[in-house]
N, C-alpha and C. Protein backbone atom coordinates (compact mmCIF):
# COMPACT_ATOMS: atom_id res chain seq x y z
N MET A 1 -65.16 259.91 23.76
CA MET A 1 -65.87 258.63 24.06
C MET A 1 -66.61 258.88 25.42
N ARG A 2 -67.63 258.06 25.59
CA ARG A 2 -68.47 258.21 26.77
C ARG A 2 -68.61 256.76 27.43
N PHE A 3 -68.63 256.88 28.77
CA PHE A 3 -68.77 255.68 29.57
C PHE A 3 -70.27 255.84 30.08
N ILE A 4 -71.12 254.91 29.82
CA ILE A 4 -72.44 254.85 30.19
C ILE A 4 -72.65 253.67 31.28
N GLN A 5 -73.10 254.06 32.40
CA GLN A 5 -73.57 253.06 33.39
C GLN A 5 -75.08 253.06 33.54
N ALA A 6 -75.75 252.02 33.43
CA ALA A 6 -77.16 251.90 33.65
C ALA A 6 -77.56 250.92 34.76
N ILE A 7 -78.19 251.34 35.74
CA ILE A 7 -78.72 250.44 36.73
C ILE A 7 -80.10 250.18 36.44
N VAL A 8 -80.52 248.89 36.04
CA VAL A 8 -81.86 248.47 35.55
C VAL A 8 -82.35 247.28 36.17
N ARG A 9 -83.60 247.01 35.97
CA ARG A 9 -84.20 245.76 36.44
C ARG A 9 -83.63 244.59 35.66
N GLU A 10 -83.46 243.44 36.48
CA GLU A 10 -82.93 242.22 35.83
C GLU A 10 -83.67 241.83 34.65
N GLU A 11 -84.96 241.77 34.70
CA GLU A 11 -85.75 241.22 33.68
C GLU A 11 -85.75 242.09 32.31
N ARG A 12 -85.30 243.34 32.45
CA ARG A 12 -85.19 244.28 31.16
C ARG A 12 -83.99 243.99 30.44
N VAL A 13 -83.05 243.32 31.06
CA VAL A 13 -81.70 243.28 30.21
C VAL A 13 -81.76 242.72 28.88
N PRO A 14 -82.54 241.51 28.65
CA PRO A 14 -82.51 240.90 27.29
C PRO A 14 -83.13 241.93 26.26
N PHE A 15 -84.08 242.75 26.69
CA PHE A 15 -84.69 243.65 25.76
C PHE A 15 -83.74 244.84 25.40
N ILE A 16 -82.90 245.27 26.38
CA ILE A 16 -81.94 246.34 26.22
C ILE A 16 -80.75 245.83 25.34
N GLN A 17 -80.40 244.57 25.67
CA GLN A 17 -79.29 243.99 24.91
C GLN A 17 -79.69 243.87 23.46
N LYS A 18 -80.89 243.47 23.17
CA LYS A 18 -81.40 243.30 21.80
C LYS A 18 -81.34 244.63 21.00
N ALA A 19 -81.83 245.80 21.75
CA ALA A 19 -81.92 246.99 21.21
C ALA A 19 -80.63 247.54 20.84
N LEU A 20 -79.58 247.35 21.80
CA LEU A 20 -78.22 247.88 21.57
C LEU A 20 -77.61 247.12 20.39
N GLY A 21 -77.98 245.74 20.33
CA GLY A 21 -77.46 245.02 19.06
C GLY A 21 -77.88 245.57 17.77
N GLU A 22 -79.20 246.03 17.73
CA GLU A 22 -79.70 246.68 16.50
C GLU A 22 -78.89 247.92 16.14
N LEU A 23 -78.34 248.59 17.24
CA LEU A 23 -77.54 249.79 16.97
C LEU A 23 -76.06 249.48 16.78
N GLU A 24 -75.79 248.18 16.68
CA GLU A 24 -74.47 247.61 16.45
C GLU A 24 -73.54 248.01 17.70
N ILE A 25 -74.11 247.97 18.83
CA ILE A 25 -73.40 248.16 20.15
C ILE A 25 -73.40 246.89 20.82
N TYR A 26 -72.26 246.24 20.81
CA TYR A 26 -72.24 244.81 21.30
C TYR A 26 -71.36 244.75 22.66
N GLY A 27 -70.38 245.58 22.84
CA GLY A 27 -69.57 245.52 24.08
C GLY A 27 -70.23 246.07 25.24
N MET A 28 -70.20 245.24 26.25
CA MET A 28 -70.75 245.80 27.57
C MET A 28 -70.31 244.79 28.69
N THR A 29 -70.31 245.36 29.86
CA THR A 29 -70.08 244.56 31.03
C THR A 29 -71.26 244.68 31.92
N ILE A 30 -71.73 243.49 32.40
CA ILE A 30 -72.92 243.43 33.26
C ILE A 30 -72.60 242.70 34.52
N ARG A 31 -73.13 243.38 35.61
CA ARG A 31 -72.88 242.65 36.86
C ARG A 31 -74.18 242.77 37.73
N SER A 32 -74.38 241.83 38.53
CA SER A 32 -75.52 241.94 39.58
C SER A 32 -75.22 242.73 40.65
N VAL A 33 -76.05 243.61 40.99
CA VAL A 33 -75.87 244.54 42.13
C VAL A 33 -77.19 244.59 43.01
N MET A 34 -77.02 245.13 44.14
CA MET A 34 -78.23 245.31 45.06
C MET A 34 -78.31 246.75 45.31
N GLY A 35 -79.51 247.31 45.32
CA GLY A 35 -79.61 248.83 45.65
C GLY A 35 -81.08 249.16 45.99
N ARG A 36 -81.07 250.47 46.31
CA ARG A 36 -82.46 251.00 46.65
C ARG A 36 -82.37 252.51 46.26
N GLY A 37 -83.60 252.97 45.87
CA GLY A 37 -83.70 254.34 45.45
C GLY A 37 -84.92 255.01 46.14
N GLU A 38 -85.71 255.86 45.39
CA GLU A 38 -86.85 256.40 46.02
C GLU A 38 -87.81 255.46 46.56
N GLN A 39 -87.90 254.19 46.13
CA GLN A 39 -88.95 253.25 46.64
C GLN A 39 -88.66 252.83 48.00
N LYS A 40 -87.32 252.90 48.49
CA LYS A 40 -86.98 252.63 49.75
C LYS A 40 -87.21 251.11 50.12
N GLY A 41 -87.07 250.17 49.12
CA GLY A 41 -87.19 248.86 49.34
C GLY A 41 -88.61 248.41 49.26
N LEU A 42 -88.97 247.21 49.76
CA LEU A 42 -90.31 246.67 49.82
C LEU A 42 -90.70 246.10 51.10
N SER A 43 -91.99 246.01 51.34
CA SER A 43 -92.49 245.40 52.47
C SER A 43 -93.38 244.22 52.05
N LEU A 44 -92.95 243.07 52.43
CA LEU A 44 -93.60 241.79 52.08
C LEU A 44 -94.21 241.12 53.38
N GLN A 45 -95.45 240.60 53.05
CA GLN A 45 -96.09 239.84 54.23
C GLN A 45 -95.53 238.36 54.17
N PHE A 46 -94.94 238.00 55.27
CA PHE A 46 -94.38 236.61 55.49
C PHE A 46 -94.74 236.02 56.75
N ARG A 47 -95.42 234.89 56.67
CA ARG A 47 -95.88 234.01 57.89
C ARG A 47 -96.51 234.97 58.92
N GLY A 48 -97.43 235.80 58.48
CA GLY A 48 -98.12 236.58 59.51
C GLY A 48 -97.40 237.83 59.95
N GLY A 49 -96.31 238.05 59.41
CA GLY A 49 -95.62 239.31 59.86
C GLY A 49 -95.13 240.02 58.50
N ILE A 50 -94.69 241.18 58.83
CA ILE A 50 -94.13 242.14 57.79
C ILE A 50 -92.73 241.96 57.55
N LEU A 51 -92.16 241.74 56.52
CA LEU A 51 -90.74 241.56 56.22
C LEU A 51 -90.30 242.72 55.37
N GLY A 52 -89.34 243.50 55.80
CA GLY A 52 -88.90 244.60 54.94
C GLY A 52 -87.64 244.15 54.17
N VAL A 53 -87.61 244.53 52.85
CA VAL A 53 -86.52 244.16 51.98
C VAL A 53 -85.96 245.46 51.59
N ASP A 54 -84.78 245.92 52.18
CA ASP A 54 -84.30 247.26 51.84
C ASP A 54 -83.52 247.27 50.48
N PHE A 55 -82.80 246.37 50.22
CA PHE A 55 -82.03 246.40 48.95
C PHE A 55 -82.64 245.39 47.94
N LEU A 56 -82.92 245.87 46.70
CA LEU A 56 -83.43 245.05 45.60
C LEU A 56 -82.41 244.61 44.65
N PRO A 57 -82.63 243.45 43.96
CA PRO A 57 -81.62 243.14 43.04
C PRO A 57 -81.68 243.92 41.71
N LYS A 58 -80.62 244.37 41.23
CA LYS A 58 -80.63 245.14 39.94
C LYS A 58 -79.47 244.60 39.09
N VAL A 59 -79.38 245.19 37.94
CA VAL A 59 -78.12 244.84 37.04
C VAL A 59 -77.51 246.15 36.71
N SER A 60 -76.16 246.24 36.76
CA SER A 60 -75.36 247.34 36.35
C SER A 60 -74.84 247.03 34.92
N MET A 61 -75.06 247.91 33.98
CA MET A 61 -74.64 247.64 32.72
C MET A 61 -73.57 248.81 32.41
N GLU A 62 -72.35 248.44 31.98
CA GLU A 62 -71.34 249.25 31.72
C GLU A 62 -71.09 249.30 30.19
N ILE A 63 -71.19 250.40 29.50
CA ILE A 63 -71.03 250.55 28.10
C ILE A 63 -70.09 251.67 27.76
N VAL A 64 -69.19 251.41 26.81
CA VAL A 64 -68.31 252.50 26.24
C VAL A 64 -68.63 252.76 24.86
N VAL A 65 -69.15 253.99 24.47
CA VAL A 65 -69.37 254.27 23.13
C VAL A 65 -68.68 255.58 22.69
N GLN A 66 -68.71 255.72 21.28
CA GLN A 66 -68.25 256.93 20.76
C GLN A 66 -69.22 258.11 21.05
N ASP A 67 -68.73 259.43 20.99
CA ASP A 67 -69.63 260.54 21.47
C ASP A 67 -70.93 260.57 20.57
N GLN A 68 -70.87 260.31 19.35
CA GLN A 68 -72.06 260.35 18.38
C GLN A 68 -73.05 259.31 18.73
N ASP A 69 -72.63 258.13 19.43
CA ASP A 69 -73.61 257.13 19.73
C ASP A 69 -74.45 257.33 21.05
N GLU A 70 -73.94 258.28 21.83
CA GLU A 70 -74.38 258.47 23.19
C GLU A 70 -75.88 258.51 23.27
N ASN A 71 -76.43 259.47 22.57
CA ASN A 71 -77.86 259.72 22.71
C ASN A 71 -78.72 258.46 22.28
N ALA A 72 -78.33 257.88 21.14
CA ALA A 72 -79.07 256.66 20.65
C ALA A 72 -78.98 255.55 21.75
N VAL A 73 -77.83 255.29 22.37
CA VAL A 73 -77.73 254.31 23.45
C VAL A 73 -78.61 254.61 24.63
N VAL A 74 -78.46 255.84 25.17
CA VAL A 74 -79.37 256.35 26.34
C VAL A 74 -80.79 256.14 25.99
N GLN A 75 -81.22 256.47 24.79
CA GLN A 75 -82.66 256.46 24.41
C GLN A 75 -83.11 254.84 24.34
N ALA A 76 -82.13 254.07 23.87
CA ALA A 76 -82.51 252.67 23.88
C ALA A 76 -82.72 252.04 25.27
N ILE A 77 -81.88 252.31 26.13
CA ILE A 77 -81.79 251.88 27.53
C ILE A 77 -83.14 252.50 28.12
N GLU A 78 -83.52 253.71 27.88
CA GLU A 78 -84.68 254.37 28.45
C GLU A 78 -85.93 253.58 27.92
N LYS A 79 -85.94 253.39 26.68
CA LYS A 79 -87.24 252.84 26.11
C LYS A 79 -87.41 251.39 26.50
N PHE A 80 -86.29 250.53 26.42
CA PHE A 80 -86.39 249.13 26.65
C PHE A 80 -86.25 248.71 28.18
N GLY A 81 -85.78 249.71 28.90
CA GLY A 81 -85.61 249.38 30.33
C GLY A 81 -86.88 249.83 31.26
N LYS A 82 -87.70 250.61 30.58
CA LYS A 82 -88.76 251.18 31.25
C LYS A 82 -90.01 250.29 31.42
N THR A 83 -90.44 250.13 32.68
CA THR A 83 -91.72 249.53 33.02
C THR A 83 -92.74 250.53 33.47
N GLY A 84 -92.50 251.66 33.76
CA GLY A 84 -93.35 252.76 34.28
C GLY A 84 -93.59 252.68 35.67
N LYS A 85 -92.86 251.78 36.46
CA LYS A 85 -93.00 251.74 37.88
C LYS A 85 -91.85 252.15 38.57
N MET A 86 -91.94 252.57 39.80
CA MET A 86 -90.86 252.99 40.64
C MET A 86 -89.83 251.90 40.67
N GLY A 87 -88.58 252.18 40.65
CA GLY A 87 -87.46 251.19 40.73
C GLY A 87 -86.95 250.84 39.24
N ASP A 88 -87.32 251.59 38.29
CA ASP A 88 -86.86 251.15 36.86
C ASP A 88 -85.33 251.27 36.75
N GLY A 89 -84.78 252.31 37.45
CA GLY A 89 -83.32 252.41 37.39
C GLY A 89 -82.86 253.76 37.09
N ARG A 90 -81.57 253.92 36.80
CA ARG A 90 -81.00 255.18 36.46
C ARG A 90 -79.90 255.02 35.49
N ILE A 91 -79.57 256.10 34.68
CA ILE A 91 -78.48 256.01 33.68
C ILE A 91 -77.44 257.19 34.00
N PHE A 92 -76.23 256.81 34.05
CA PHE A 92 -75.21 257.88 34.26
C PHE A 92 -74.31 257.79 33.06
N VAL A 93 -73.93 259.05 32.62
CA VAL A 93 -73.11 259.27 31.35
C VAL A 93 -71.84 260.04 31.80
N MET A 94 -70.72 259.59 31.61
CA MET A 94 -69.50 260.24 31.93
C MET A 94 -68.53 260.31 30.75
N PRO A 95 -67.71 261.31 30.72
CA PRO A 95 -66.74 261.38 29.65
C PRO A 95 -65.70 260.43 29.92
N LEU A 96 -65.07 259.88 28.87
CA LEU A 96 -63.91 258.94 28.99
C LEU A 96 -62.72 259.46 28.20
N ASP A 97 -61.73 259.62 28.84
CA ASP A 97 -60.44 260.18 28.09
C ASP A 97 -59.75 259.17 27.22
N LYS A 98 -59.54 257.93 27.79
CA LYS A 98 -58.72 257.00 26.96
C LYS A 98 -59.17 255.63 27.29
N SER A 99 -59.00 254.75 26.26
CA SER A 99 -59.21 253.34 26.33
C SER A 99 -57.99 252.67 25.83
N VAL A 100 -57.51 251.55 26.51
CA VAL A 100 -56.40 250.74 25.96
C VAL A 100 -56.72 249.30 25.83
N ARG A 101 -56.68 248.70 24.72
CA ARG A 101 -56.94 247.31 24.55
C ARG A 101 -55.79 246.51 24.98
N VAL A 102 -55.96 245.67 25.96
CA VAL A 102 -54.86 244.93 26.58
C VAL A 102 -54.16 244.06 25.67
N ARG A 103 -54.83 243.29 24.78
CA ARG A 103 -54.13 242.38 23.82
C ARG A 103 -53.17 243.02 22.78
N SER A 104 -53.62 244.22 22.15
CA SER A 104 -52.82 244.86 21.29
C SER A 104 -52.13 246.21 21.65
N ASN A 105 -52.42 246.50 22.79
CA ASN A 105 -51.98 247.92 23.21
C ASN A 105 -52.53 249.10 22.45
N GLU A 106 -53.57 248.88 21.69
CA GLU A 106 -54.27 249.89 20.87
C GLU A 106 -54.90 250.92 21.76
N VAL A 107 -54.59 252.17 21.50
CA VAL A 107 -55.15 253.32 22.31
C VAL A 107 -56.22 253.91 21.60
N GLU A 108 -57.32 254.21 22.24
CA GLU A 108 -58.43 255.01 21.64
C GLU A 108 -58.58 256.27 22.56
N VAL A 109 -58.57 257.38 21.79
CA VAL A 109 -58.68 258.64 22.63
C VAL A 109 -60.03 259.31 22.35
């Protein structure tokens, strides 16, 4: 199994979610996060002055998939999360040894 964490723009989440649904990948956890990368934040003009915004709002998507689904999921996130501008996000893929369903104590290895 693989644990995939994707940090993406908030406005791209519905497109990614739809693409993953077409792959029959429905389970995910989404949380709002703040972050910065190579773009180093933004500078906005506000009331005659420059206002620096260091951390920008993003969404962290956490998805657990079988090994054979890893590439398709990563490609879907890349394709539908991309705007072509700096700050599109990053995808992390990590091995996952075990998953236990709380309701039934079912173990997946």
